[in-house]
Amino acid sequence: MKKLSTATEPPAELLTIGALAKRVGFAVSALRYYEEVGLIPPALRRESGHRVYPESVLDVLVLIRHCRDLGFSIDETRELVALSTNGERDCVEARAIAQTGSPRFQCNK
């Protein structure tokens, strides 16, 4: 966990864990878990020790929410998050995960 370099309040583009959880519709404990398992980057810390996140984490959490709603496992979600944050990887990999991973995407021929 990184500490913020100044004792002042963080810039406006940083969100508290509570504000971030509310915007995405997760419990705060879910965000702590997703940080613990490496789905989202470690939080910055205020001098008080409270977690704050850059606003860019919001997009990752929206993707995580969709993945979990569709029944993807944590490992499948991790792969999809990695694909979404790495512009050099091919989106064909995401399709392969979707078609083989989640039971909702299985073909019943």
N, C-alpha and C. Protein backbone atom coordinates (compact mmCIF):
# COMPACT_ATOMS: atom_id res chain seq x y z
N MET A 1 0.84 -1.17 0.00
CA MET A 1 0.00 0.00 0.00
C MET A 1 0.88 1.23 0.00
N LYS A 2 0.58 2.14 -0.89
CA LYS A 2 1.35 3.37 -1.00
C LYS A 2 0.71 4.44 -0.14
N LYS A 3 1.57 5.26 0.48
CA LYS A 3 1.07 6.39 1.24
C LYS A 3 1.10 7.62 0.36
N LEU A 4 0.14 8.48 0.54
CA LEU A 4 0.15 9.75 -0.18
C LEU A 4 1.31 10.58 0.35
N SER A 5 1.92 11.36 -0.52
CA SER A 5 3.14 12.07 -0.15
C SER A 5 2.90 13.32 0.69
N THR A 6 1.67 13.83 0.74
CA THR A 6 1.41 15.03 1.51
C THR A 6 0.38 14.74 2.58
N ALA A 7 0.37 15.59 3.60
CA ALA A 7 -0.58 15.44 4.69
C ALA A 7 -1.92 16.09 4.37
N THR A 8 -2.01 16.76 3.25
CA THR A 8 -3.27 17.40 2.87
C THR A 8 -4.24 16.37 2.31
N GLU A 9 -5.46 16.78 2.09
CA GLU A 9 -6.46 15.89 1.51
C GLU A 9 -6.02 15.49 0.10
N PRO A 10 -6.38 14.28 -0.33
CA PRO A 10 -5.99 13.85 -1.66
C PRO A 10 -6.68 14.66 -2.74
N PRO A 11 -6.11 14.71 -3.94
CA PRO A 11 -6.75 15.42 -5.04
C PRO A 11 -8.14 14.85 -5.32
N ALA A 12 -8.97 15.63 -6.00
CA ALA A 12 -10.36 15.25 -6.26
C ALA A 12 -10.49 13.97 -7.06
N GLU A 13 -9.49 13.61 -7.88
CA GLU A 13 -9.60 12.42 -8.71
C GLU A 13 -9.40 11.13 -7.93
N LEU A 14 -9.11 11.21 -6.66
CA LEU A 14 -9.01 10.02 -5.81
C LEU A 14 -10.32 9.82 -5.08
N LEU A 15 -10.77 8.58 -5.03
CA LEU A 15 -12.03 8.25 -4.38
C LEU A 15 -11.77 7.41 -3.13
N THR A 16 -12.53 7.69 -2.10
CA THR A 16 -12.43 6.84 -0.91
C THR A 16 -13.01 5.47 -1.24
N ILE A 17 -12.67 4.49 -0.44
CA ILE A 17 -13.18 3.15 -0.68
C ILE A 17 -14.71 3.13 -0.58
N GLY A 18 -15.26 3.90 0.34
CA GLY A 18 -16.72 3.95 0.48
C GLY A 18 -17.40 4.57 -0.72
N ALA A 19 -16.85 5.68 -1.22
CA ALA A 19 -17.42 6.34 -2.39
C ALA A 19 -17.33 5.45 -3.62
N LEU A 20 -16.20 4.77 -3.77
CA LEU A 20 -16.01 3.88 -4.91
C LEU A 20 -16.98 2.71 -4.84
N ALA A 21 -17.12 2.11 -3.67
CA ALA A 21 -18.05 0.99 -3.48
C ALA A 21 -19.48 1.41 -3.81
N LYS A 22 -19.86 2.58 -3.36
CA LYS A 22 -21.22 3.07 -3.61
C LYS A 22 -21.46 3.29 -5.11
N ARG A 23 -20.49 3.86 -5.81
CA ARG A 23 -20.66 4.13 -7.24
C ARG A 23 -20.79 2.86 -8.06
N VAL A 24 -20.14 1.78 -7.62
CA VAL A 24 -20.16 0.54 -8.39
C VAL A 24 -21.25 -0.42 -7.88
N GLY A 25 -21.69 -0.22 -6.66
CA GLY A 25 -22.71 -1.09 -6.10
C GLY A 25 -22.15 -2.32 -5.41
N PHE A 26 -20.91 -2.22 -4.93
CA PHE A 26 -20.28 -3.29 -4.15
C PHE A 26 -20.26 -2.90 -2.68
N ALA A 27 -20.11 -3.89 -1.83
CA ALA A 27 -19.83 -3.63 -0.43
C ALA A 27 -18.35 -3.25 -0.30
N VAL A 28 -18.02 -2.46 0.70
CA VAL A 28 -16.63 -2.09 0.93
C VAL A 28 -15.77 -3.34 1.11
N SER A 29 -16.31 -4.35 1.77
CA SER A 29 -15.55 -5.59 1.98
C SER A 29 -15.21 -6.27 0.66
N ALA A 30 -16.06 -6.14 -0.35
CA ALA A 30 -15.78 -6.71 -1.66
C ALA A 30 -14.58 -6.01 -2.29
N LEU A 31 -14.49 -4.69 -2.16
CA LEU A 31 -13.35 -3.97 -2.71
C LEU A 31 -12.07 -4.37 -2.00
N ARG A 32 -12.13 -4.53 -0.69
CA ARG A 32 -10.95 -5.00 0.04
C ARG A 32 -10.52 -6.38 -0.46
N TYR A 33 -11.49 -7.25 -0.69
CA TYR A 33 -11.20 -8.60 -1.19
C TYR A 33 -10.59 -8.53 -2.59
N TYR A 34 -11.17 -7.75 -3.48
CA TYR A 34 -10.65 -7.65 -4.84
C TYR A 34 -9.23 -7.08 -4.85
N GLU A 35 -8.94 -6.19 -3.91
CA GLU A 35 -7.58 -5.69 -3.77
C GLU A 35 -6.66 -6.81 -3.27
N GLU A 36 -7.14 -7.55 -2.29
CA GLU A 36 -6.34 -8.64 -1.69
C GLU A 36 -5.98 -9.72 -2.72
N VAL A 37 -6.93 -10.06 -3.61
CA VAL A 37 -6.67 -11.12 -4.60
C VAL A 37 -6.06 -10.58 -5.89
N GLY A 38 -5.79 -9.28 -5.94
CA GLY A 38 -5.08 -8.70 -7.06
C GLY A 38 -5.93 -8.31 -8.26
N LEU A 39 -7.24 -8.21 -8.10
CA LEU A 39 -8.08 -7.77 -9.22
C LEU A 39 -8.02 -6.27 -9.43
N ILE A 40 -7.80 -5.53 -8.35
CA ILE A 40 -7.60 -4.09 -8.47
C ILE A 40 -6.26 -3.75 -7.82
N PRO A 41 -5.65 -2.67 -8.25
CA PRO A 41 -4.34 -2.32 -7.69
C PRO A 41 -4.45 -1.92 -6.23
N PRO A 42 -3.35 -2.05 -5.49
CA PRO A 42 -3.37 -1.64 -4.08
C PRO A 42 -3.74 -0.17 -3.94
N ALA A 43 -4.48 0.11 -2.89
CA ALA A 43 -4.93 1.48 -2.64
C ALA A 43 -3.77 2.35 -2.19
N LEU A 44 -3.93 3.64 -2.44
CA LEU A 44 -3.09 4.62 -1.79
C LEU A 44 -3.66 4.81 -0.40
N ARG A 45 -2.88 5.37 0.50
CA ARG A 45 -3.37 5.60 1.86
C ARG A 45 -3.22 7.06 2.23
N ARG A 46 -4.26 7.58 2.84
CA ARG A 46 -4.17 8.91 3.44
C ARG A 46 -3.30 8.81 4.68
N GLU A 47 -2.93 9.95 5.23
CA GLU A 47 -2.16 9.96 6.48
C GLU A 47 -2.92 9.22 7.58
N SER A 48 -4.24 9.28 7.52
CA SER A 48 -5.08 8.61 8.51
C SER A 48 -5.11 7.09 8.32
N GLY A 49 -4.58 6.61 7.18
CA GLY A 49 -4.59 5.18 6.89
C GLY A 49 -5.76 4.74 6.03
N HIS A 50 -6.69 5.65 5.74
CA HIS A 50 -7.85 5.30 4.92
C HIS A 50 -7.44 5.06 3.48
N ARG A 51 -8.07 4.07 2.86
CA ARG A 51 -7.79 3.76 1.46
C ARG A 51 -8.42 4.79 0.53
N VAL A 52 -7.67 5.15 -0.52
CA VAL A 52 -8.19 5.97 -1.61
C VAL A 52 -7.67 5.37 -2.91
N TYR A 53 -8.49 5.50 -3.95
CA TYR A 53 -8.18 4.89 -5.24
C TYR A 53 -8.29 5.93 -6.34
N PRO A 54 -7.46 5.78 -7.38
CA PRO A 54 -7.65 6.66 -8.54
C PRO A 54 -8.98 6.33 -9.21
N GLU A 55 -9.56 7.31 -9.86
CA GLU A 55 -10.86 7.13 -10.50
C GLU A 55 -10.82 6.04 -11.58
N SER A 56 -9.65 5.76 -12.12
CA SER A 56 -9.51 4.73 -13.16
C SER A 56 -9.89 3.34 -12.65
N VAL A 57 -9.83 3.11 -11.35
CA VAL A 57 -10.21 1.83 -10.77
C VAL A 57 -11.71 1.58 -10.96
N LEU A 58 -12.47 2.65 -11.12
CA LEU A 58 -13.91 2.53 -11.33
C LEU A 58 -14.22 1.68 -12.56
N ASP A 59 -13.51 1.90 -13.66
CA ASP A 59 -13.74 1.12 -14.88
C ASP A 59 -13.44 -0.36 -14.66
N VAL A 60 -12.39 -0.64 -13.93
CA VAL A 60 -12.02 -2.04 -13.65
C VAL A 60 -13.10 -2.69 -12.79
N LEU A 61 -13.61 -1.96 -11.81
CA LEU A 61 -14.66 -2.52 -10.95
C LEU A 61 -15.96 -2.76 -11.70
N VAL A 62 -16.28 -1.90 -12.66
CA VAL A 62 -17.47 -2.13 -13.48
C VAL A 62 -17.29 -3.43 -14.27
N LEU A 63 -16.11 -3.64 -14.83
CA LEU A 63 -15.84 -4.89 -15.55
C LEU A 63 -15.94 -6.08 -14.60
N ILE A 64 -15.38 -5.97 -13.41
CA ILE A 64 -15.46 -7.06 -12.43
C ILE A 64 -16.92 -7.36 -12.10
N ARG A 65 -17.71 -6.32 -11.91
CA ARG A 65 -19.13 -6.51 -11.60
C ARG A 65 -19.82 -7.29 -12.72
N HIS A 66 -19.57 -6.91 -13.97
CA HIS A 66 -20.18 -7.62 -15.10
C HIS A 66 -19.72 -9.08 -15.14
N CYS A 67 -18.44 -9.29 -14.96
CA CYS A 67 -17.89 -10.66 -14.98
C CYS A 67 -18.54 -11.52 -13.90
N ARG A 68 -18.64 -10.99 -12.70
CA ARG A 68 -19.21 -11.75 -11.59
C ARG A 68 -20.71 -11.99 -11.83
N ASP A 69 -21.41 -10.99 -12.35
CA ASP A 69 -22.84 -11.15 -12.65
C ASP A 69 -23.07 -12.23 -13.70
N LEU A 70 -22.11 -12.39 -14.61
CA LEU A 70 -22.22 -13.41 -15.66
C LEU A 70 -21.71 -14.78 -15.23
N GLY A 71 -21.23 -14.89 -14.00
CA GLY A 71 -20.82 -16.18 -13.48
C GLY A 71 -19.37 -16.56 -13.69
N PHE A 72 -18.53 -15.61 -14.09
CA PHE A 72 -17.11 -15.91 -14.25
C PHE A 72 -16.47 -16.11 -12.89
N SER A 73 -15.51 -17.03 -12.83
CA SER A 73 -14.76 -17.25 -11.59
C SER A 73 -13.80 -16.08 -11.36
N ILE A 74 -13.21 -16.04 -10.19
CA ILE A 74 -12.22 -15.01 -9.88
C ILE A 74 -11.05 -15.11 -10.86
N ASP A 75 -10.57 -16.33 -11.14
CA ASP A 75 -9.44 -16.49 -12.07
C ASP A 75 -9.80 -16.03 -13.48
N GLU A 76 -11.01 -16.36 -13.95
CA GLU A 76 -11.44 -15.91 -15.27
C GLU A 76 -11.58 -14.39 -15.29
N THR A 77 -12.12 -13.85 -14.22
CA THR A 77 -12.26 -12.39 -14.11
C THR A 77 -10.90 -11.73 -14.13
N ARG A 78 -9.93 -12.32 -13.42
CA ARG A 78 -8.57 -11.78 -13.40
C ARG A 78 -7.99 -11.73 -14.82
N GLU A 79 -8.20 -12.80 -15.59
CA GLU A 79 -7.70 -12.84 -16.96
C GLU A 79 -8.37 -11.76 -17.81
N LEU A 80 -9.68 -11.59 -17.66
CA LEU A 80 -10.39 -10.58 -18.44
C LEU A 80 -9.97 -9.17 -18.05
N VAL A 81 -9.73 -8.95 -16.77
CA VAL A 81 -9.25 -7.63 -16.32
C VAL A 81 -7.86 -7.37 -16.91
N ALA A 82 -7.01 -8.39 -16.90
CA ALA A 82 -5.67 -8.23 -17.47
C ALA A 82 -5.75 -7.91 -18.96
N LEU A 83 -6.66 -8.57 -19.66
CA LEU A 83 -6.84 -8.29 -21.08
C LEU A 83 -7.33 -6.86 -21.31
N SER A 84 -8.23 -6.41 -20.46
CA SER A 84 -8.80 -5.08 -20.66
C SER A 84 -7.82 -3.96 -20.34
N THR A 85 -6.85 -4.24 -19.51
CA THR A 85 -5.90 -3.19 -19.12
C THR A 85 -4.60 -3.26 -19.90
N ASN A 86 -4.47 -4.24 -20.80
CA ASN A 86 -3.27 -4.38 -21.61
C ASN A 86 -3.64 -4.22 -23.07
N GLY A 87 -3.35 -3.09 -23.63
CA GLY A 87 -3.72 -2.79 -25.01
C GLY A 87 -3.00 -3.62 -26.05
N GLU A 88 -1.96 -4.35 -25.66
CA GLU A 88 -1.19 -5.14 -26.61
C GLU A 88 -1.75 -6.55 -26.80
N ARG A 89 -2.68 -6.97 -25.97
CA ARG A 89 -3.22 -8.31 -26.08
C ARG A 89 -4.43 -8.32 -26.99
N ASP A 90 -4.65 -9.44 -27.63
CA ASP A 90 -5.70 -9.59 -28.62
C ASP A 90 -7.04 -9.87 -27.95
N CYS A 91 -8.12 -9.26 -28.44
CA CYS A 91 -9.44 -9.48 -27.86
C CYS A 91 -9.96 -10.89 -28.15
N VAL A 92 -9.30 -11.63 -29.03
CA VAL A 92 -9.68 -13.02 -29.28
C VAL A 92 -9.51 -13.84 -28.00
N GLU A 93 -8.52 -13.46 -27.18
CA GLU A 93 -8.31 -14.15 -25.90
C GLU A 93 -9.53 -13.99 -25.00
N ALA A 94 -10.11 -12.80 -24.99
CA ALA A 94 -11.30 -12.56 -24.17
C ALA A 94 -12.45 -13.44 -24.64
N ARG A 95 -12.63 -13.55 -25.94
CA ARG A 95 -13.69 -14.40 -26.48
C ARG A 95 -13.47 -15.86 -26.07
N ALA A 96 -12.24 -16.31 -26.11
CA ALA A 96 -11.93 -17.69 -25.73
C ALA A 96 -12.27 -17.94 -24.26
N ILE A 97 -11.97 -16.99 -23.41
CA ILE A 97 -12.31 -17.13 -21.99
C ILE A 97 -13.82 -17.18 -21.83
N ALA A 98 -14.52 -16.30 -22.52
CA ALA A 98 -15.98 -16.25 -22.41
C ALA A 98 -16.62 -17.54 -22.90
N GLN A 99 -16.09 -18.11 -23.97
CA GLN A 99 -16.71 -19.30 -24.54
C GLN A 99 -16.38 -20.57 -23.76
N THR A 100 -15.24 -20.61 -23.10
CA THR A 100 -14.86 -21.83 -22.37
C THR A 100 -15.07 -21.71 -20.88
N GLY A 101 -15.14 -20.49 -20.36
CA GLY A 101 -15.18 -20.30 -18.92
C GLY A 101 -16.55 -20.38 -18.29
N SER A 102 -17.31 -19.37 -18.48
CA SER A 102 -18.58 -19.26 -17.79
C SER A 102 -19.60 -20.25 -18.37
N PRO A 103 -20.32 -20.96 -17.50
CA PRO A 103 -21.33 -21.89 -17.97
C PRO A 103 -22.41 -21.24 -18.80
N ARG A 104 -22.64 -19.96 -18.63
CA ARG A 104 -23.66 -19.24 -19.38
C ARG A 104 -23.29 -19.08 -20.85
N PHE A 105 -22.00 -19.28 -21.17
CA PHE A 105 -21.54 -19.11 -22.54
C PHE A 105 -21.25 -20.44 -23.22
N GLN A 106 -21.61 -21.53 -22.59
CA GLN A 106 -21.36 -22.84 -23.19
C GLN A 106 -22.34 -23.10 -24.31
N CYS A 107 -21.87 -23.71 -25.36
CA CYS A 107 -22.71 -24.07 -26.48
C CYS A 107 -23.35 -25.44 -26.23
N ASN A 108 -24.63 -25.53 -26.35
CA ASN A 108 -25.34 -26.80 -26.18
C ASN A 108 -25.79 -27.28 -27.55
N LYS A 109 -24.93 -28.01 -28.22
CA LYS A 109 -25.26 -28.49 -29.57
C LYS A 109 -25.80 -29.89 -29.51
